[in-house]
């Protein structure tokens, strides 16, 4: 059974920080590049960052220098440290493998709200 359990979201003021976690099924985590995605209201889901099996990382231009993705292979967990958050980054954040396919399970995600 596929599991993608994201947590760590919440309400934060602009300029604040959050650390997201996502526990994934070992069947997905152990063989895939893992990524964080987000979907803001009325917008399409976008990729925020990803990390390969060997620890290579890549970030969307909009988050470079502020977000850091990491993974704990022993725990099948991927993390996203988010600093200097902006109101426009309010969204539901999801983790999943890369690439994704139509019909893939996404889990419930975790809500991040950046507001004063």
Protein backbone atom coordinates (compact mmCIF):
# COMPACT_ATOMS: atom_id res chain seq x y z
CA UNK A 1 0.00 0.00 0.00
CA UNK A 2 1.37 3.38 -1.02
CA UNK A 3 1.85 5.87 1.79
CA UNK A 4 2.86 9.50 1.50
CA UNK A 5 2.26 11.24 4.81
CA UNK A 6 3.26 14.89 4.80
CA UNK A 7 3.37 16.92 7.99
CA UNK A 8 4.83 20.05 9.53
CA UNK A 9 2.73 22.69 7.85
CA UNK A 10 0.99 25.50 9.64
CA UNK A 11 0.52 29.22 9.90
CA UNK A 12 3.68 31.30 9.78
CA UNK A 13 4.38 34.99 9.39
CA UNK A 14 6.15 36.32 6.32
CA UNK A 15 9.86 35.81 6.76
CA UNK A 16 9.32 32.83 9.03
CA UNK A 17 10.44 29.23 8.71
CA UNK A 18 8.88 25.79 8.65
CA UNK A 19 10.25 22.29 8.32
CA UNK A 20 8.12 19.80 6.46
CA UNK A 21 8.45 16.04 6.71
CA UNK A 22 7.08 13.30 4.50
CA UNK A 23 7.12 9.64 5.42
CA UNK A 24 6.87 7.49 2.32
CA UNK A 25 6.39 3.84 1.62
CA UNK A 26 9.73 2.13 1.36
CA UNK A 27 8.71 0.70 -2.00
CA UNK A 28 8.57 4.24 -3.39
CA UNK A 29 11.30 5.89 -1.36
CA UNK A 30 14.08 3.36 -1.83
CA UNK A 31 14.15 3.43 -5.62
CA UNK A 32 13.16 6.95 -6.56
CA UNK A 33 14.21 10.52 -6.65
CA UNK A 34 11.85 12.25 -4.22
CA UNK A 35 10.41 15.71 -4.53
CA UNK A 36 8.32 18.32 -2.84
CA UNK A 37 5.50 19.91 -4.78
CA UNK A 38 2.98 22.58 -3.93
CA UNK A 39 -0.40 23.68 -5.17
CA UNK A 40 -1.75 27.11 -4.40
CA UNK A 41 -5.47 27.89 -4.65
CA UNK A 42 -6.52 28.18 -8.27
CA UNK A 43 -3.10 27.19 -9.59
CA UNK A 44 -1.50 24.08 -10.98
CA UNK A 45 0.72 21.91 -8.85
CA UNK A 46 4.40 22.79 -9.25
CA UNK A 47 7.64 21.11 -8.29
CA UNK A 48 9.53 22.93 -5.55
CA UNK A 49 12.60 20.76 -5.04
CA UNK A 50 13.86 17.25 -5.53
CA UNK A 51 16.60 15.00 -4.21
CA UNK A 52 18.09 11.98 -5.91
CA UNK A 53 18.94 8.63 -4.37
CA UNK A 54 22.55 9.77 -4.03
CA UNK A 55 21.69 13.15 -2.52
CA UNK A 56 21.84 15.41 -5.53
CA UNK A 57 19.39 18.28 -5.27
CA UNK A 58 17.58 20.69 -7.54
CA UNK A 59 15.33 23.64 -6.72
CA UNK A 60 12.81 25.80 -8.44
CA UNK A 61 14.32 29.21 -9.11
CA UNK A 62 11.81 30.86 -6.81
CA UNK A 63 13.05 28.97 -3.74
CA UNK A 64 16.78 28.71 -4.36
CA UNK A 65 18.79 29.88 -1.38
CA UNK A 66 15.80 29.70 0.96
CA UNK A 67 14.63 26.06 0.86
CA UNK A 68 16.67 22.95 1.56
CA UNK A 69 15.56 19.42 0.75
CA UNK A 70 17.06 16.38 2.45
CA UNK A 71 16.28 12.71 2.89
CA UNK A 72 16.79 10.08 5.56
CA UNK A 73 17.00 6.78 3.74
CA UNK A 74 16.82 4.76 6.96
CA UNK A 75 13.48 6.37 7.82
CA UNK A 76 12.13 6.63 4.26
CA UNK A 77 11.49 10.28 4.99
CA UNK A 78 12.11 13.41 2.96
CA UNK A 79 12.30 16.86 4.51
CA UNK A 80 11.92 20.42 3.31
CA UNK A 81 13.40 23.24 5.37
CA UNK A 82 11.73 26.47 4.28
CA UNK A 83 13.15 29.82 5.34
CA UNK A 84 12.15 33.39 4.61
CA UNK A 85 8.69 32.34 3.58
CA UNK A 86 6.54 34.63 1.45
CA UNK A 87 2.74 35.04 1.39
CA UNK A 88 2.60 33.80 -2.21
CA UNK A 89 4.00 30.48 -1.01
CA UNK A 90 0.77 29.68 0.75
CA UNK A 91 -0.21 26.30 -0.64
CA UNK A 92 -0.72 22.65 0.08
CA UNK A 93 2.66 20.96 0.00
CA UNK A 94 2.98 17.37 -1.15
CA UNK A 95 5.82 14.93 -1.54
CA UNK A 96 6.08 12.31 -4.22
CA UNK A 97 8.53 10.56 -6.47
CA UNK A 98 9.92 11.98 -9.67
CA UNK A 99 8.64 11.67 -12.24
CA UNK A 100 4.99 11.28 -11.42
CA UNK A 101 2.40 9.67 -13.65
CA UNK A 102 -1.25 10.31 -14.26
CA UNK A 103 -3.24 8.61 -11.53
CA UNK A 104 -0.42 8.47 -8.99
CA UNK A 105 -1.42 8.67 -5.35
CA UNK A 106 -0.50 11.98 -3.72
CA UNK A 107 -1.56 11.75 -0.12
CA UNK A 108 -3.24 14.56 1.75
CA UNK A 109 -0.38 17.01 1.71
CA UNK A 110 0.23 19.58 4.43
CA UNK A 111 -1.14 23.12 4.42
CA UNK A 112 1.32 25.99 4.64
CA UNK A 113 -0.16 29.43 5.21
CA UNK A 114 2.11 32.47 5.18
CA UNK A 115 0.27 35.44 6.57
CA UNK A 116 0.59 38.22 9.10
